[in-house]
Amino acid sequence: MQFRLSLFDMNASSTSKKVGCDDDFCSFISQSDSCQPAVGCSYHIVYADESTSDGKFIRDMLTLEQVTGDLKTGPLGQEVVFG
């Protein structure tokens, strides 16, 4: 199976939003002190090979189909944070 991958487009989602500096998630990951309100909650990761990844955290609604019984499905939604 082949899948075409693309970057997440925040503007293509009606439910996505930046994780703000006052968001509980930003406080949980200890980034609220260095957070810039105009940018939102961001991250900087340094990997073992010394490569890096930088970005902003986004909150969005992820909806999947779940089996509800008698071979029927229904939507199951959960808000997720990712970056």
C-alpha atoms as a PDB file:
ATOM      1  CA  MET A   1       0.000   0.000   0.000  1.00  0.00           C
ATOM      2  CA  GLN A   2       1.227   3.439  -0.864  1.00  0.00           C
ATOM      3  CA  PHE A   3       0.143   6.590   0.911  1.00  0.00           C
ATOM      4  CA  ARG A   4       0.748  10.120  -0.242  1.00  0.00           C
ATOM      5  CA  LEU A   5       1.985  12.115   2.733  1.00  0.00           C
ATOM      6  CA  SER A   6       1.728  15.864   3.060  1.00  0.00           C
ATOM      7  CA  LEU A   7       2.335  18.462   5.721  1.00  0.00           C
ATOM      8  CA  PHE A   8      -0.553  19.407   7.960  1.00  0.00           C
ATOM      9  CA  ASP A   9      -2.365  22.494   6.672  1.00  0.00           C
ATOM     10  CA  MET A  10      -3.923  24.264   9.640  1.00  0.00           C
ATOM     11  CA  ASN A  11      -6.065  26.390   7.309  1.00  0.00           C
ATOM     12  CA  ALA A  12      -7.650  23.278   5.783  1.00  0.00           C
ATOM     13  CA  SER A  13      -9.168  22.294   9.139  1.00  0.00           C
ATOM     14  CA  SER A  14     -12.175  24.087  10.571  1.00  0.00           C
ATOM     15  CA  THR A  15     -11.334  22.863  14.090  1.00  0.00           C
ATOM     16  CA  SER A  16      -7.576  23.488  14.389  1.00  0.00           C
ATOM     17  CA  LYS A  17      -6.068  26.251  16.492  1.00  0.00           C
ATOM     18  CA  LYS A  18      -2.682  27.236  17.879  1.00  0.00           C
ATOM     19  CA  VAL A  19      -1.888  26.100  21.402  1.00  0.00           C
ATOM     20  CA  GLY A  20      -1.628  29.376  23.279  1.00  0.00           C
ATOM     21  CA  CYS A  21       0.782  30.326  26.036  1.00  0.00           C
ATOM     22  CA  ASP A  22      -1.998  30.193  28.635  1.00  0.00           C
ATOM     23  CA  ASP A  23      -3.104  26.691  27.541  1.00  0.00           C
ATOM     24  CA  ASP A  24      -2.753  23.939  30.168  1.00  0.00           C
ATOM     25  CA  PHE A  25      -0.759  21.854  27.674  1.00  0.00           C
ATOM     26  CA  CYS A  26       1.887  24.552  27.310  1.00  0.00           C
ATOM     27  CA  SER A  27       2.198  24.790  31.103  1.00  0.00           C
ATOM     28  CA  PHE A  28       2.342  20.975  31.368  1.00  0.00           C
ATOM     29  CA  ILE A  29       5.370  20.749  29.088  1.00  0.00           C
ATOM     30  CA  SER A  30       7.023  23.647  30.960  1.00  0.00           C
ATOM     31  CA  GLN A  31       7.081  25.991  27.977  1.00  0.00           C
ATOM     32  CA  SER A  32       4.760  28.721  29.239  1.00  0.00           C
ATOM     33  CA  ASP A  33       7.599  30.833  30.717  1.00  0.00           C
ATOM     34  CA  SER A  34       9.397  31.172  27.373  1.00  0.00           C
ATOM     35  CA  CYS A  35       6.228  31.245  25.244  1.00  0.00           C
ATOM     36  CA  GLN A  36       5.604  34.270  23.022  1.00  0.00           C
ATOM     37  CA  PRO A  37       1.877  35.087  22.713  1.00  0.00           C
ATOM     38  CA  ALA A  38       2.160  36.132  19.052  1.00  0.00           C
ATOM     39  CA  VAL A  39       3.741  32.765  18.176  1.00  0.00           C
ATOM     40  CA  GLY A  40       2.007  30.377  20.570  1.00  0.00           C
ATOM     41  CA  CYS A  41       3.397  27.328  22.324  1.00  0.00           C
ATOM     42  CA  SER A  42       6.404  26.041  20.375  1.00  0.00           C
ATOM     43  CA  TYR A  43       8.989  23.282  20.640  1.00  0.00           C
ATOM     44  CA  HIS A  44      12.648  22.672  19.824  1.00  0.00           C
ATOM     45  CA  ILE A  45      13.918  19.075  19.835  1.00  0.00           C
ATOM     46  CA  VAL A  46      17.550  17.987  19.481  1.00  0.00           C
ATOM     47  CA  TYR A  47      17.969  14.348  18.467  1.00  0.00           C
ATOM     48  CA  ALA A  48      20.885  12.014  19.268  1.00  0.00           C
ATOM     49  CA  ASP A  49      22.455  12.667  15.849  1.00  0.00           C
ATOM     50  CA  GLU A  50      22.284  16.408  16.657  1.00  0.00           C
ATOM     51  CA  SER A  51      19.626  17.116  14.031  1.00  0.00           C
ATOM     52  CA  THR A  52      16.797  19.331  15.231  1.00  0.00           C
ATOM     53  CA  SER A  53      13.097  19.901  14.810  1.00  0.00           C
ATOM     54  CA  ASP A  54      11.287  23.159  15.543  1.00  0.00           C
ATOM     55  CA  GLY A  55       7.617  23.995  15.331  1.00  0.00           C
ATOM     56  CA  LYS A  56       4.413  25.082  16.982  1.00  0.00           C
ATOM     57  CA  PHE A  57       1.904  22.940  18.836  1.00  0.00           C
ATOM     58  CA  ILE A  58      -1.547  22.687  17.260  1.00  0.00           C
ATOM     59  CA  ARG A  59      -4.798  21.481  18.827  1.00  0.00           C
ATOM     60  CA  ASP A  60      -7.301  19.811  16.500  1.00  0.00           C
ATOM     61  CA  MET A  61     -10.214  17.391  16.491  1.00  0.00           C
ATOM     62  CA  LEU A  62      -9.392  13.893  15.230  1.00  0.00           C
ATOM     63  CA  THR A  63     -12.442  11.922  14.121  1.00  0.00           C
ATOM     64  CA  LEU A  64     -12.329   8.190  13.435  1.00  0.00           C
ATOM     65  CA  GLU A  65     -15.038   5.669  12.649  1.00  0.00           C
ATOM     66  CA  GLN A  66     -15.692   3.141  15.413  1.00  0.00           C
ATOM     67  CA  VAL A  67     -17.702  -0.056  15.219  1.00  0.00           C
ATOM     68  CA  THR A  68     -20.909   0.448  17.188  1.00  0.00           C
ATOM     69  CA  GLY A  69     -22.448  -3.003  16.696  1.00  0.00           C
ATOM     70  CA  ASP A  70     -24.243  -5.020  14.020  1.00  0.00           C
ATOM     71  CA  LEU A  71     -21.474  -4.086  11.548  1.00  0.00           C
ATOM     72  CA  LYS A  72     -22.346  -0.392  11.806  1.00  0.00           C
ATOM     73  CA  THR A  73     -19.952   2.431  12.471  1.00  0.00           C
ATOM     74  CA  GLY A  74     -20.230   5.859  13.993  1.00  0.00           C
ATOM     75  CA  PRO A  75     -17.903   8.808  14.467  1.00  0.00           C
ATOM     76  CA  LEU A  76     -15.613   8.973  17.459  1.00  0.00           C
ATOM     77  CA  GLY A  77     -13.973  12.353  18.009  1.00  0.00           C
ATOM     78  CA  GLN A  78     -11.098  13.321  20.282  1.00  0.00           C
ATOM     79  CA  GLU A  79      -9.170  16.540  20.571  1.00  0.00           C
ATOM     80  CA  VAL A  80      -5.413  16.018  20.097  1.00  0.00           C
ATOM     81  CA  VAL A  81      -2.327  18.212  20.417  1.00  0.00           C
ATOM     82  CA  PHE A  82       0.591  17.682  18.064  1.00  0.00           C
ATOM     83  CA  GLY A  83       3.545  19.529  16.639  1.00  0.00           C
END
